[in-house]
Amino acid sequence: MGLKYAVFNNHLRNSAMNLTTKQKQYLKGLAHDLKPVVMLGQYGLTEGVLAEIDAALGHHELIKVKVSAADRDTKKLIVEAIVRESQGVQVQVMGNVLTLFRPSEEKKISLPKA
């Protein structure tokens, strides 16, 4: 993890991003045709999975993560951990799929005005 990434990561951590309903709807529309790029396997949420999520968010900004969990409470805890560790914003959870957004330094997705 380079200094450039660490500084950007701290910036995100200090300014928690809140999306308006309009912005979430826009992101849901963009995510509609996306396939999950990261899938949690039998070992659950590991450092490797978190690193893969981080890399995917850095490259795409908007991703889907497939979370397989035995029950709702476990799935909710895993989703919260992913959002917290990635410093992303939860756009939606539909079934076992989490849609996650985190803007990168070079903005690829321009959100509608708040």
PDB file of N, CA and C in Angstrom:
ATOM      1  N   MET A   1       0.857  -1.166   0.000  1.00  0.00           N
ATOM      2  CA  MET A   1       0.000   0.000   0.000  1.00  0.00           C
ATOM      3  C   MET A   1       0.901   1.226   0.000  1.00  0.00           C
ATOM      4  N   GLY A   2       0.831   2.000  -1.052  1.00  0.00           N
ATOM      5  CA  GLY A   2       1.689   3.174  -1.178  1.00  0.00           C
ATOM      6  C   GLY A   2       1.172   4.359  -0.390  1.00  0.00           C
ATOM      7  N   LEU A   3       2.021   5.367  -0.286  1.00  0.00           N
ATOM      8  CA  LEU A   3       1.673   6.581   0.458  1.00  0.00           C
ATOM      9  C   LEU A   3       0.468   7.273  -0.177  1.00  0.00           C
ATOM     10  N   LYS A   4       0.446   7.296  -1.511  1.00  0.00           N
ATOM     11  CA  LYS A   4      -0.652   7.932  -2.230  1.00  0.00           C
ATOM     12  C   LYS A   4      -1.983   7.289  -1.840  1.00  0.00           C
ATOM     13  N   TYR A   5      -2.015   5.957  -1.779  1.00  0.00           N
ATOM     14  CA  TYR A   5      -3.221   5.242  -1.412  1.00  0.00           C
ATOM     15  C   TYR A   5      -3.589   5.521   0.039  1.00  0.00           C
ATOM     16  N   ALA A   6      -2.588   5.505   0.914  1.00  0.00           N
ATOM     17  CA  ALA A   6      -2.843   5.716   2.344  1.00  0.00           C
ATOM     18  C   ALA A   6      -3.433   7.103   2.590  1.00  0.00           C
ATOM     19  N   VAL A   7      -2.906   8.106   1.904  1.00  0.00           N
ATOM     20  CA  VAL A   7      -3.431   9.467   2.069  1.00  0.00           C
ATOM     21  C   VAL A   7      -4.863   9.537   1.568  1.00  0.00           C
ATOM     22  N   PHE A   8      -5.133   8.942   0.421  1.00  0.00           N
ATOM     23  CA  PHE A   8      -6.478   8.938  -0.135  1.00  0.00           C
ATOM     24  C   PHE A   8      -7.423   8.185   0.794  1.00  0.00           C
ATOM     25  N   ASN A   9      -6.953   7.046   1.313  1.00  0.00           N
ATOM     26  CA  ASN A   9      -7.762   6.241   2.220  1.00  0.00           C
ATOM     27  C   ASN A   9      -8.112   7.025   3.484  1.00  0.00           C
ATOM     28  N   ASN A  10      -7.148   7.769   4.039  1.00  0.00           N
ATOM     29  CA  ASN A  10      -7.411   8.585   5.221  1.00  0.00           C
ATOM     30  C   ASN A  10      -8.418   9.681   4.908  1.00  0.00           C
ATOM     31  N   HIS A  11      -8.322  10.260   3.726  1.00  0.00           N
ATOM     32  CA  HIS A  11      -9.273  11.296   3.320  1.00  0.00           C
ATOM     33  C   HIS A  11     -10.692  10.725   3.327  1.00  0.00           C
ATOM     34  N   LEU A  12     -10.840   9.525   2.771  1.00  0.00           N
ATOM     35  CA  LEU A  12     -12.162   8.901   2.754  1.00  0.00           C
ATOM     36  C   LEU A  12     -12.634   8.599   4.165  1.00  0.00           C
ATOM     37  N   ARG A  13     -11.740   8.132   4.996  1.00  0.00           N
ATOM     38  CA  ARG A  13     -12.105   7.767   6.353  1.00  0.00           C
ATOM     39  C   ARG A  13     -12.573   8.990   7.123  1.00  0.00           C
ATOM     40  N   ASN A  14     -11.934  10.134   6.879  1.00  0.00           N
ATOM     41  CA  ASN A  14     -12.279  11.348   7.606  1.00  0.00           C
ATOM     42  C   ASN A  14     -13.557  11.996   7.092  1.00  0.00           C
ATOM     43  N   SER A  15     -13.873  11.787   5.839  1.00  0.00           N
ATOM     44  CA  SER A  15     -15.090  12.392   5.292  1.00  0.00           C
ATOM     45  C   SER A  15     -16.028  11.272   4.837  1.00  0.00           C
ATOM     46  N   ALA A  16     -16.792  10.750   5.760  1.00  0.00           N
ATOM     47  CA  ALA A  16     -17.717   9.670   5.446  1.00  0.00           C
ATOM     48  C   ALA A  16     -18.698  10.152   4.386  1.00  0.00           C
ATOM     49  N   MET A  17     -18.803   9.390   3.336  1.00  0.00           N
ATOM     50  CA  MET A  17     -19.645   9.787   2.227  1.00  0.00           C
ATOM     51  C   MET A  17     -21.073   9.345   2.462  1.00  0.00           C
ATOM     52  N   ASN A  18     -21.989  10.278   2.363  1.00  0.00           N
ATOM     53  CA  ASN A  18     -23.409   9.970   2.449  1.00  0.00           C
ATOM     54  C   ASN A  18     -24.016  10.223   1.086  1.00  0.00           C
ATOM     55  N   LEU A  19     -24.727   9.230   0.593  1.00  0.00           N
ATOM     56  CA  LEU A  19     -25.369   9.365  -0.703  1.00  0.00           C
ATOM     57  C   LEU A  19     -26.832   9.736  -0.521  1.00  0.00           C
ATOM     58  N   THR A  20     -27.305  10.603  -1.397  1.00  0.00           N
ATOM     59  CA  THR A  20     -28.724  10.934  -1.385  1.00  0.00           C
ATOM     60  C   THR A  20     -29.489   9.795  -2.054  1.00  0.00           C
ATOM     61  N   THR A  21     -30.793   9.803  -1.899  1.00  0.00           N
ATOM     62  CA  THR A  21     -31.619   8.775  -2.527  1.00  0.00           C
ATOM     63  C   THR A  21     -31.464   8.815  -4.042  1.00  0.00           C
ATOM     64  N   LYS A  22     -31.384  10.004  -4.590  1.00  0.00           N
ATOM     65  CA  LYS A  22     -31.216  10.176  -6.038  1.00  0.00           C
ATOM     66  C   LYS A  22     -29.900   9.555  -6.503  1.00  0.00           C
ATOM     67  N   GLN A  23     -28.832   9.771  -5.748  1.00  0.00           N
ATOM     68  CA  GLN A  23     -27.525   9.213  -6.101  1.00  0.00           C
ATOM     69  C   GLN A  23     -27.528   7.686  -5.986  1.00  0.00           C
ATOM     70  N   LYS A  24     -28.177   7.166  -4.951  1.00  0.00           N
ATOM     71  CA  LYS A  24     -28.268   5.711  -4.803  1.00  0.00           C
ATOM     72  C   LYS A  24     -29.053   5.099  -5.952  1.00  0.00           C
ATOM     73  N   GLN A  25     -30.144   5.738  -6.335  1.00  0.00           N
ATOM     74  CA  GLN A  25     -30.934   5.239  -7.465  1.00  0.00           C
ATOM     75  C   GLN A  25     -30.095   5.218  -8.742  1.00  0.00           C
ATOM     76  N   TYR A  26     -29.311   6.268  -8.942  1.00  0.00           N
ATOM     77  CA  TYR A  26     -28.441   6.352 -10.114  1.00  0.00           C
ATOM     78  C   TYR A  26     -27.429   5.197 -10.104  1.00  0.00           C
ATOM     79  N   LEU A  27     -26.809   4.966  -8.950  1.00  0.00           N
ATOM     80  CA  LEU A  27     -25.821   3.887  -8.838  1.00  0.00           C
ATOM     81  C   LEU A  27     -26.465   2.514  -9.007  1.00  0.00           C
ATOM     82  N   LYS A  28     -27.674   2.336  -8.499  1.00  0.00           N
ATOM     83  CA  LYS A  28     -28.385   1.071  -8.679  1.00  0.00           C
ATOM     84  C   LYS A  28     -28.619   0.805 -10.162  1.00  0.00           C
ATOM     85  N   GLY A  29     -28.950   1.865 -10.891  1.00  0.00           N
ATOM     86  CA  GLY A  29     -29.153   1.728 -12.335  1.00  0.00           C
ATOM     87  C   GLY A  29     -27.877   1.320 -13.049  1.00  0.00           C
ATOM     88  N   LEU A  30     -26.759   1.922 -12.642  1.00  0.00           N
ATOM     89  CA  LEU A  30     -25.474   1.561 -13.249  1.00  0.00           C
ATOM     90  C   LEU A  30     -25.073   0.134 -12.900  1.00  0.00           C
ATOM     91  N   ALA A  31     -25.412  -0.305 -11.698  1.00  0.00           N
ATOM     92  CA  ALA A  31     -25.002  -1.621 -11.217  1.00  0.00           C
ATOM     93  C   ALA A  31     -25.895  -2.746 -11.722  1.00  0.00           C
ATOM     94  N   HIS A  32     -27.020  -2.397 -12.295  1.00  0.00           N
ATOM     95  CA  HIS A  32     -28.007  -3.411 -12.685  1.00  0.00           C
ATOM     96  C   HIS A  32     -27.407  -4.546 -13.509  1.00  0.00           C
ATOM     97  N   ASP A  33     -26.622  -4.224 -14.515  1.00  0.00           N
ATOM     98  CA  ASP A  33     -26.074  -5.241 -15.419  1.00  0.00           C
ATOM     99  C   ASP A  33     -24.747  -5.823 -14.946  1.00  0.00           C
ATOM    100  N   LEU A  34     -24.217  -5.334 -13.831  1.00  0.00           N
ATOM    101  CA  LEU A  34     -22.937  -5.840 -13.340  1.00  0.00           C
ATOM    102  C   LEU A  34     -23.090  -7.237 -12.734  1.00  0.00           C
ATOM    103  N   LYS A  35     -22.048  -8.026 -12.880  1.00  0.00           N
ATOM    104  CA  LYS A  35     -21.970  -9.326 -12.229  1.00  0.00           C
ATOM    105  C   LYS A  35     -21.073  -9.178 -11.006  1.00  0.00           C
ATOM    106  N   PRO A  36     -21.261 -10.001  -9.978  1.00  0.00           N
ATOM    107  CA  PRO A  36     -20.373  -9.927  -8.815  1.00  0.00           C
ATOM    108  C   PRO A  36     -18.924 -10.188  -9.218  1.00  0.00           C
ATOM    109  N   VAL A  37     -18.009  -9.306  -8.786  1.00  0.00           N
ATOM    110  CA  VAL A  37     -16.594  -9.470  -9.120  1.00  0.00           C
ATOM    111  C   VAL A  37     -15.839 -10.170  -7.999  1.00  0.00           C
ATOM    112  N   VAL A  38     -16.417 -10.184  -6.805  1.00  0.00           N
ATOM    113  CA  VAL A  38     -15.814 -10.876  -5.672  1.00  0.00           C
ATOM    114  C   VAL A  38     -16.895 -11.747  -5.042  1.00  0.00           C
ATOM    115  N   MET A  39     -16.516 -12.992  -4.748  1.00  0.00           N
ATOM    116  CA  MET A  39     -17.459 -13.905  -4.105  1.00  0.00           C
ATOM    117  C   MET A  39     -16.805 -14.497  -2.866  1.00  0.00           C
ATOM    118  N   LEU A  40     -17.515 -14.422  -1.758  1.00  0.00           N
ATOM    119  CA  LEU A  40     -17.001 -15.016  -0.530  1.00  0.00           C
ATOM    120  C   LEU A  40     -17.186 -16.521  -0.597  1.00  0.00           C
ATOM    121  N   GLY A  41     -16.111 -17.244  -0.302  1.00  0.00           N
ATOM    122  CA  GLY A  41     -16.150 -18.699  -0.372  1.00  0.00           C
ATOM    123  C   GLY A  41     -16.353 -19.321   0.991  1.00  0.00           C
ATOM    124  N   GLN A  42     -15.916 -20.564   1.104  1.00  0.00           N
ATOM    125  CA  GLN A  42     -16.136 -21.319   2.341  1.00  0.00           C
ATOM    126  C   GLN A  42     -15.367 -20.772   3.520  1.00  0.00           C
ATOM    127  N   TYR A  43     -14.305 -19.995   3.263  1.00  0.00           N
ATOM    128  CA  TYR A  43     -13.509 -19.443   4.359  1.00  0.00           C
ATOM    129  C   TYR A  43     -14.013 -18.079   4.823  1.00  0.00           C
ATOM    130  N   GLY A  44     -15.053 -17.580   4.192  1.00  0.00           N
ATOM    131  CA  GLY A  44     -15.662 -16.327   4.622  1.00  0.00           C
ATOM    132  C   GLY A  44     -14.839 -15.103   4.274  1.00  0.00           C
ATOM    133  N   LEU A  45     -14.908 -14.106   5.134  1.00  0.00           N
ATOM    134  CA  LEU A  45     -14.260 -12.820   4.897  1.00  0.00           C
ATOM    135  C   LEU A  45     -12.823 -12.874   5.405  1.00  0.00           C
ATOM    136  N   THR A  46     -11.871 -13.035   4.490  1.00  0.00           N
ATOM    137  CA  THR A  46     -10.456 -13.132   4.844  1.00  0.00           C
ATOM    138  C   THR A  46      -9.721 -11.883   4.377  1.00  0.00           C
ATOM    139  N   GLU A  47      -8.464 -11.767   4.766  1.00  0.00           N
ATOM    140  CA  GLU A  47      -7.627 -10.646   4.318  1.00  0.00           C
ATOM    141  C   GLU A  47      -7.526 -10.631   2.797  1.00  0.00           C
ATOM    142  N   GLY A  48      -7.429 -11.799   2.193  1.00  0.00           N
ATOM    143  CA  GLY A  48      -7.345 -11.890   0.739  1.00  0.00           C
ATOM    144  C   GLY A  48      -8.588 -11.368   0.051  1.00  0.00           C
ATOM    145  N   VAL A  49      -9.738 -11.701   0.605  1.00  0.00           N
ATOM    146  CA  VAL A  49     -11.008 -11.230   0.039  1.00  0.00           C
ATOM    147  C   VAL A  49     -11.105  -9.713   0.179  1.00  0.00           C
ATOM    148  N   LEU A  50     -10.722  -9.198   1.342  1.00  0.00           N
ATOM    149  CA  LEU A  50     -10.752  -7.737   1.553  1.00  0.00           C
ATOM    150  C   LEU A  50      -9.793  -7.031   0.597  1.00  0.00           C
ATOM    151  N   ALA A  51      -8.633  -7.621   0.369  1.00  0.00           N
ATOM    152  CA  ALA A  51      -7.673  -7.026  -0.571  1.00  0.00           C
ATOM    153  C   ALA A  51      -8.242  -7.022  -1.987  1.00  0.00           C
ATOM    154  N   GLU A  52      -8.934  -8.086  -2.353  1.00  0.00           N
ATOM    155  CA  GLU A  52      -9.548  -8.178  -3.681  1.00  0.00           C
ATOM    156  C   GLU A  52     -10.665  -7.146  -3.838  1.00  0.00           C
ATOM    157  N   ILE A  53     -11.466  -6.959  -2.794  1.00  0.00           N
ATOM    158  CA  ILE A  53     -12.531  -5.951  -2.814  1.00  0.00           C
ATOM    159  C   ILE A  53     -11.917  -4.565  -2.960  1.00  0.00           C
ATOM    160  N   ASP A  54     -10.851  -4.303  -2.200  1.00  0.00           N
ATOM    161  CA  ASP A  54     -10.170  -3.013  -2.259  1.00  0.00           C
ATOM    162  C   ASP A  54      -9.626  -2.733  -3.658  1.00  0.00           C
ATOM    163  N   ALA A  55      -9.004  -3.745  -4.249  1.00  0.00           N
ATOM    164  CA  ALA A  55      -8.460  -3.583  -5.603  1.00  0.00           C
ATOM    165  C   ALA A  55      -9.570  -3.353  -6.627  1.00  0.00           C
ATOM    166  N   ALA A  56     -10.660  -4.099  -6.503  1.00  0.00           N
ATOM    167  CA  ALA A  56     -11.779  -3.951  -7.437  1.00  0.00           C
ATOM    168  C   ALA A  56     -12.421  -2.572  -7.311  1.00  0.00           C
ATOM    169  N   LEU A  57     -12.581  -2.083  -6.076  1.00  0.00           N
ATOM    170  CA  LEU A  57     -13.142  -0.741  -5.887  1.00  0.00           C
ATOM    171  C   LEU A  57     -12.213   0.333  -6.443  1.00  0.00           C
ATOM    172  N   GLY A  58     -10.920   0.151  -6.282  1.00  0.00           N
ATOM    173  CA  GLY A  58      -9.961   1.112  -6.820  1.00  0.00           C
ATOM    174  C   GLY A  58     -10.005   1.178  -8.335  1.00  0.00           C
ATOM    175  N   HIS A  59     -10.298   0.046  -8.943  1.00  0.00           N
ATOM    176  CA  HIS A  59     -10.318  -0.007 -10.405  1.00  0.00           C
ATOM    177  C   HIS A  59     -11.683   0.367 -10.988  1.00  0.00           C
ATOM    178  N   HIS A  60     -12.768  -0.096 -10.358  1.00  0.00           N
ATOM    179  CA  HIS A  60     -14.109   0.073 -10.938  1.00  0.00           C
ATOM    180  C   HIS A  60     -14.981   1.119 -10.249  1.00  0.00           C
ATOM    181  N   GLU A  61     -14.747   1.406  -8.998  1.00  0.00           N
ATOM    182  CA  GLU A  61     -15.559   2.311  -8.167  1.00  0.00           C
ATOM    183  C   GLU A  61     -16.900   1.710  -7.739  1.00  0.00           C
ATOM    184  N   LEU A  62     -17.560   0.985  -8.596  1.00  0.00           N
ATOM    185  CA  LEU A  62     -18.864   0.386  -8.292  1.00  0.00           C
ATOM    186  C   LEU A  62     -18.766  -1.110  -8.564  1.00  0.00           C
ATOM    187  N   ILE A  63     -18.952  -1.919  -7.516  1.00  0.00           N
ATOM    188  CA  ILE A  63     -18.830  -3.370  -7.680  1.00  0.00           C
ATOM    189  C   ILE A  63     -19.959  -4.083  -6.952  1.00  0.00           C
ATOM    190  N   LYS A  64     -20.102  -5.362  -7.305  1.00  0.00           N
ATOM    191  CA  LYS A  64     -21.004  -6.242  -6.588  1.00  0.00           C
ATOM    192  C   LYS A  64     -20.173  -7.341  -5.926  1.00  0.00           C
ATOM    193  N   VAL A  65     -20.570  -7.686  -4.704  1.00  0.00           N
ATOM    194  CA  VAL A  65     -19.903  -8.735  -3.939  1.00  0.00           C
ATOM    195  C   VAL A  65     -20.961  -9.753  -3.549  1.00  0.00           C
ATOM    196  N   LYS A  66     -20.711 -11.016  -3.874  1.00  0.00           N
ATOM    197  CA  LYS A  66     -21.657 -12.073  -3.497  1.00  0.00           C
ATOM    198  C   LYS A  66     -21.274 -12.599  -2.120  1.00  0.00           C
ATOM    199  N   VAL A  67     -22.204 -12.488  -1.183  1.00  0.00           N
ATOM    200  CA  VAL A  67     -21.973 -12.887   0.204  1.00  0.00           C
ATOM    201  C   VAL A  67     -22.835 -14.104   0.507  1.00  0.00           C
ATOM    202  N   SER A  68     -22.199 -15.251   0.677  1.00  0.00           N
ATOM    203  CA  SER A  68     -22.937 -16.459   1.042  1.00  0.00           C
ATOM    204  C   SER A  68     -22.842 -16.640   2.546  1.00  0.00           C
ATOM    205  N   ALA A  69     -23.968 -16.583   3.214  1.00  0.00           N
ATOM    206  CA  ALA A  69     -23.986 -16.747   4.663  1.00  0.00           C
ATOM    207  C   ALA A  69     -25.153 -17.643   5.051  1.00  0.00           C
ATOM    208  N   ALA A  70     -24.993 -18.298   6.188  1.00  0.00           N
ATOM    209  CA  ALA A  70     -26.001 -19.249   6.640  1.00  0.00           C
ATOM    210  C   ALA A  70     -27.315 -18.562   7.016  1.00  0.00           C
ATOM    211  N   ASP A  71     -27.228 -17.418   7.674  1.00  0.00           N
ATOM    212  CA  ASP A  71     -28.451 -16.736   8.096  1.00  0.00           C
ATOM    213  C   ASP A  71     -28.331 -15.228   7.915  1.00  0.00           C
ATOM    214  N   ARG A  72     -29.426 -14.525   8.119  1.00  0.00           N
ATOM    215  CA  ARG A  72     -29.476 -13.078   7.895  1.00  0.00           C
ATOM    216  C   ARG A  72     -28.529 -12.310   8.799  1.00  0.00           C
ATOM    217  N   ASP A  73     -28.473 -12.699  10.067  1.00  0.00           N
ATOM    218  CA  ASP A  73     -27.629 -11.970  11.015  1.00  0.00           C
ATOM    219  C   ASP A  73     -26.158 -12.058  10.633  1.00  0.00           C
ATOM    220  N   THR A  74     -25.718 -13.243  10.227  1.00  0.00           N
ATOM    221  CA  THR A  74     -24.326 -13.426   9.801  1.00  0.00           C
ATOM    222  C   THR A  74     -24.048 -12.604   8.554  1.00  0.00           C
ATOM    223  N   LYS A  75     -24.992 -12.645   7.608  1.00  0.00           N
ATOM    224  CA  LYS A  75     -24.819 -11.878   6.367  1.00  0.00           C
ATOM    225  C   LYS A  75     -24.740 -10.386   6.668  1.00  0.00           C
ATOM    226  N   LYS A  76     -25.581  -9.918   7.573  1.00  0.00           N
ATOM    227  CA  LYS A  76     -25.574  -8.503   7.936  1.00  0.00           C
ATOM    228  C   LYS A  76     -24.233  -8.101   8.548  1.00  0.00           C
ATOM    229  N   LEU A  77     -23.691  -8.937   9.423  1.00  0.00           N
ATOM    230  CA  LEU A  77     -22.388  -8.667  10.045  1.00  0.00           C
ATOM    231  C   LEU A  77     -21.257  -8.647   9.004  1.00  0.00           C
ATOM    232  N   ILE A  78     -21.319  -9.574   8.059  1.00  0.00           N
ATOM    233  CA  ILE A  78     -20.292  -9.622   7.004  1.00  0.00           C
ATOM    234  C   ILE A  78     -20.372  -8.376   6.134  1.00  0.00           C
ATOM    235  N   VAL A  79     -21.593  -7.972   5.753  1.00  0.00           N
ATOM    236  CA  VAL A  79     -21.781  -6.775   4.925  1.00  0.00           C
ATOM    237  C   VAL A  79     -21.252  -5.548   5.651  1.00  0.00           C
ATOM    238  N   GLU A  80     -21.582  -5.407   6.939  1.00  0.00           N
ATOM    239  CA  GLU A  80     -21.096  -4.269   7.718  1.00  0.00           C
ATOM    240  C   GLU A  80     -19.579  -4.249   7.793  1.00  0.00           C
ATOM    241  N   ALA A  81     -18.966  -5.422   7.940  1.00  0.00           N
ATOM    242  CA  ALA A  81     -17.508  -5.510   8.001  1.00  0.00           C
ATOM    243  C   ALA A  81     -16.876  -5.115   6.663  1.00  0.00           C
ATOM    244  N   ILE A  82     -17.471  -5.551   5.570  1.00  0.00           N
ATOM    245  CA  ILE A  82     -16.948  -5.196   4.239  1.00  0.00           C
ATOM    246  C   ILE A  82     -17.018  -3.688   4.039  1.00  0.00           C
ATOM    247  N   VAL A  83     -18.153  -3.079   4.364  1.00  0.00           N
ATOM    248  CA  VAL A  83     -18.326  -1.629   4.189  1.00  0.00           C
ATOM    249  C   VAL A  83     -17.328  -0.873   5.062  1.00  0.00           C
ATOM    250  N   ARG A  84     -17.167  -1.308   6.298  1.00  0.00           N
ATOM    251  CA  ARG A  84     -16.252  -0.637   7.228  1.00  0.00           C
ATOM    252  C   ARG A  84     -14.795  -0.762   6.764  1.00  0.00           C
ATOM    253  N   GLU A  85     -14.384  -1.953   6.392  1.00  0.00           N
ATOM    254  CA  GLU A  85     -12.982  -2.185   6.027  1.00  0.00           C
ATOM    255  C   GLU A  85     -12.623  -1.587   4.668  1.00  0.00           C
ATOM    256  N   SER A  86     -13.570  -1.510   3.763  1.00  0.00           N
ATOM    257  CA  SER A  86     -13.276  -0.983   2.421  1.00  0.00           C
ATOM    258  C   SER A  86     -13.458   0.526   2.340  1.00  0.00           C
ATOM    259  N   GLN A  87     -14.032   1.132   3.379  1.00  0.00           N
ATOM    260  CA  GLN A  87     -14.393   2.547   3.373  1.00  0.00           C
ATOM    261  C   GLN A  87     -15.277   2.890   2.185  1.00  0.00           C
ATOM    262  N   GLY A  88     -16.100   1.935   1.797  1.00  0.00           N
ATOM    263  CA  GLY A  88     -17.030   2.155   0.707  1.00  0.00           C
ATOM    264  C   GLY A  88     -18.395   2.533   1.244  1.00  0.00           C
ATOM    265  N   VAL A  89     -19.330   2.715   0.332  1.00  0.00           N
ATOM    266  CA  VAL A  89     -20.703   3.045   0.690  1.00  0.00           C
ATOM    267  C   VAL A  89     -21.595   1.921   0.186  1.00  0.00           C
ATOM    268  N   GLN A  90     -22.430   1.409   1.070  1.00  0.00           N
ATOM    269  CA  GLN A  90     -23.373   0.381   0.687  1.00  0.00           C
ATOM    270  C   GLN A  90     -24.481   1.019  -0.138  1.00  0.00           C
ATOM    271  N   VAL A  91     -24.596   0.603  -1.389  1.00  0.00           N
ATOM    272  CA  VAL A  91     -25.657   1.125  -2.250  1.00  0.00           C
ATOM    273  C   VAL A  91     -26.926   0.319  -2.007  1.00  0.00           C
ATOM    274  N   GLN A  92     -26.777  -1.007  -1.998  1.00  0.00           N
ATOM    275  CA  GLN A  92     -27.919  -1.872  -1.704  1.00  0.00           C
ATOM    276  C   GLN A  92     -27.450  -3.292  -1.427  1.00  0.00           C
ATOM    277  N   VAL A  93     -28.301  -4.039  -0.754  1.00  0.00           N
ATOM    278  CA  VAL A  93     -28.104  -5.477  -0.590  1.00  0.00           C
ATOM    279  C   VAL A  93     -29.375  -6.120  -1.102  1.00  0.00           C
ATOM    280  N   MET A  94     -29.215  -6.949  -2.119  1.00  0.00           N
ATOM    281  CA  MET A  94     -30.363  -7.640  -2.689  1.00  0.00           C
ATOM    282  C   MET A  94     -30.053  -9.133  -2.685  1.00  0.00           C
ATOM    283  N   GLY A  95     -30.782  -9.871  -1.867  1.00  0.00           N
ATOM    284  CA  GLY A  95     -30.489 -11.293  -1.734  1.00  0.00           C
ATOM    285  C   GLY A  95     -29.124 -11.461  -1.085  1.00  0.00           C
ATOM    286  N   ASN A  96     -28.236 -12.160  -1.772  1.00  0.00           N
ATOM    287  CA  ASN A  96     -26.882 -12.379  -1.271  1.00  0.00           C
ATOM    288  C   ASN A  96     -25.860 -11.471  -1.940  1.00  0.00           C
ATOM    289  N   VAL A  97     -26.317 -10.444  -2.629  1.00  0.00           N
ATOM    290  CA  VAL A  97     -25.399  -9.590  -3.390  1.00  0.00           C
ATOM    291  C   VAL A  97     -25.373  -8.168  -2.809  1.00  0.00           C
ATOM    292  N   LEU A  98     -24.182  -7.734  -2.451  1.00  0.00           N
ATOM    293  CA  LEU A  98     -23.938  -6.387  -1.936  1.00  0.00           C
ATOM    294  C   LEU A  98     -23.421  -5.526  -3.076  1.00  0.00           C
ATOM    295  N   THR A  99     -24.009  -4.360  -3.270  1.00  0.00           N
ATOM    296  CA  THR A  99     -23.512  -3.387  -4.229  1.00  0.00           C
ATOM    297  C   THR A  99     -22.777  -2.320  -3.439  1.00  0.00           C
ATOM    298  N   LEU A 100     -21.523  -2.067  -3.819  1.00  0.00           N
ATOM    299  CA  LEU A 100     -20.627  -1.211  -3.055  1.00  0.00           C
ATOM    300  C   LEU A 100     -20.035  -0.134  -3.959  1.00  0.00           C
ATOM    301  N   PHE A 101     -19.949   1.089  -3.445  1.00  0.00           N
ATOM    302  CA  PHE A 101     -19.392   2.213  -4.199  1.00  0.00           C
ATOM    303  C   PHE A 101     -18.325   2.909  -3.366  1.00  0.00           C
ATOM    304  N   ARG A 102     -17.204   3.219  -4.018  1.00  0.00           N
ATOM    305  CA  ARG A 102     -16.167   4.041  -3.406  1.00  0.00           C
ATOM    306  C   ARG A 102     -15.479   4.820  -4.526  1.00  0.00           C
ATOM    307  N   PRO A 103     -15.569   6.160  -4.496  1.00  0.00           N
ATOM    308  CA  PRO A 103     -14.934   6.939  -5.560  1.00  0.00           C
ATOM    309  C   PRO A 103     -13.417   6.794  -5.500  1.00  0.00           C
ATOM    310  N   SER A 104     -12.804   6.758  -6.672  1.00  0.00           N
ATOM    311  CA  SER A 104     -11.340   6.687  -6.730  1.00  0.00           C
ATOM    312  C   SER A 104     -10.795   8.090  -6.995  1.00  0.00           C
ATOM    313  N   GLU A 105      -9.482   8.207  -7.008  1.00  0.00           N
ATOM    314  CA  GLU A 105      -8.856   9.512  -7.239  1.00  0.00           C
ATOM    315  C   GLU A 105      -9.237  10.065  -8.601  1.00  0.00           C
ATOM    316  N   GLU A 106      -9.224   9.193  -9.602  1.00  0.00           N
ATOM    317  CA  GLU A 106      -9.656   9.614 -10.937  1.00  0.00           C
ATOM    318  C   GLU A 106     -11.118   9.192 -11.084  1.00  0.00           C
ATOM    319  N   LYS A 107     -11.986  10.143 -10.959  1.00  0.00           N
ATOM    320  CA  LYS A 107     -13.424   9.879 -10.942  1.00  0.00           C
ATOM    321  C   LYS A 107     -13.865   9.222 -12.242  1.00  0.00           C
ATOM    322  N   LYS A 108     -14.402   8.012 -12.147  1.00  0.00           N
ATOM    323  CA  LYS A 108     -14.916   7.313 -13.308  1.00  0.00           C
ATOM    324  C   LYS A 108     -16.432   7.459 -13.388  1.00  0.00           C
ATOM    325  N   ILE A 109     -17.052   7.607 -12.222  1.00  0.00           N
ATOM    326  CA  ILE A 109     -18.501   7.758 -12.148  1.00  0.00           C
ATOM    327  C   ILE A 109     -18.800   9.138 -11.575  1.00  0.00           C
ATOM    328  N   SER A 110     -19.535   9.933 -12.322  1.00  0.00           N
ATOM    329  CA  SER A 110     -19.914  11.244 -11.779  1.00  0.00           C
ATOM    330  C   SER A 110     -21.353  11.141 -11.287  1.00  0.00           C
ATOM    331  N   LEU A 111     -21.512  11.404 -10.012  1.00  0.00           N
ATOM    332  CA  LEU A 111     -22.819  11.300  -9.374  1.00  0.00           C
ATOM    333  C   LEU A 111     -23.661  12.543  -9.656  1.00  0.00           C
ATOM    334  N   PRO A 112     -24.988  12.364  -9.691  1.00  0.00           N
ATOM    335  CA  PRO A 112     -25.855  13.532  -9.826  1.00  0.00           C
ATOM    336  C   PRO A 112     -25.689  14.446  -8.608  1.00  0.00           C
ATOM    337  N   LYS A 113     -26.012  15.704  -8.784  1.00  0.00           N
ATOM    338  CA  LYS A 113     -25.902  16.670  -7.679  1.00  0.00           C
ATOM    339  C   LYS A 113     -26.786  16.237  -6.515  1.00  0.00           C
ATOM    340  N   ALA A 114     -26.307  16.520  -5.324  1.00  0.00           N
ATOM    341  CA  ALA A 114     -27.048  16.115  -4.114  1.00  0.00           C
ATOM    342  C   ALA A 114     -28.291  16.955  -3.902  1.00  0.00           C
TER     343      ALA A 114
END
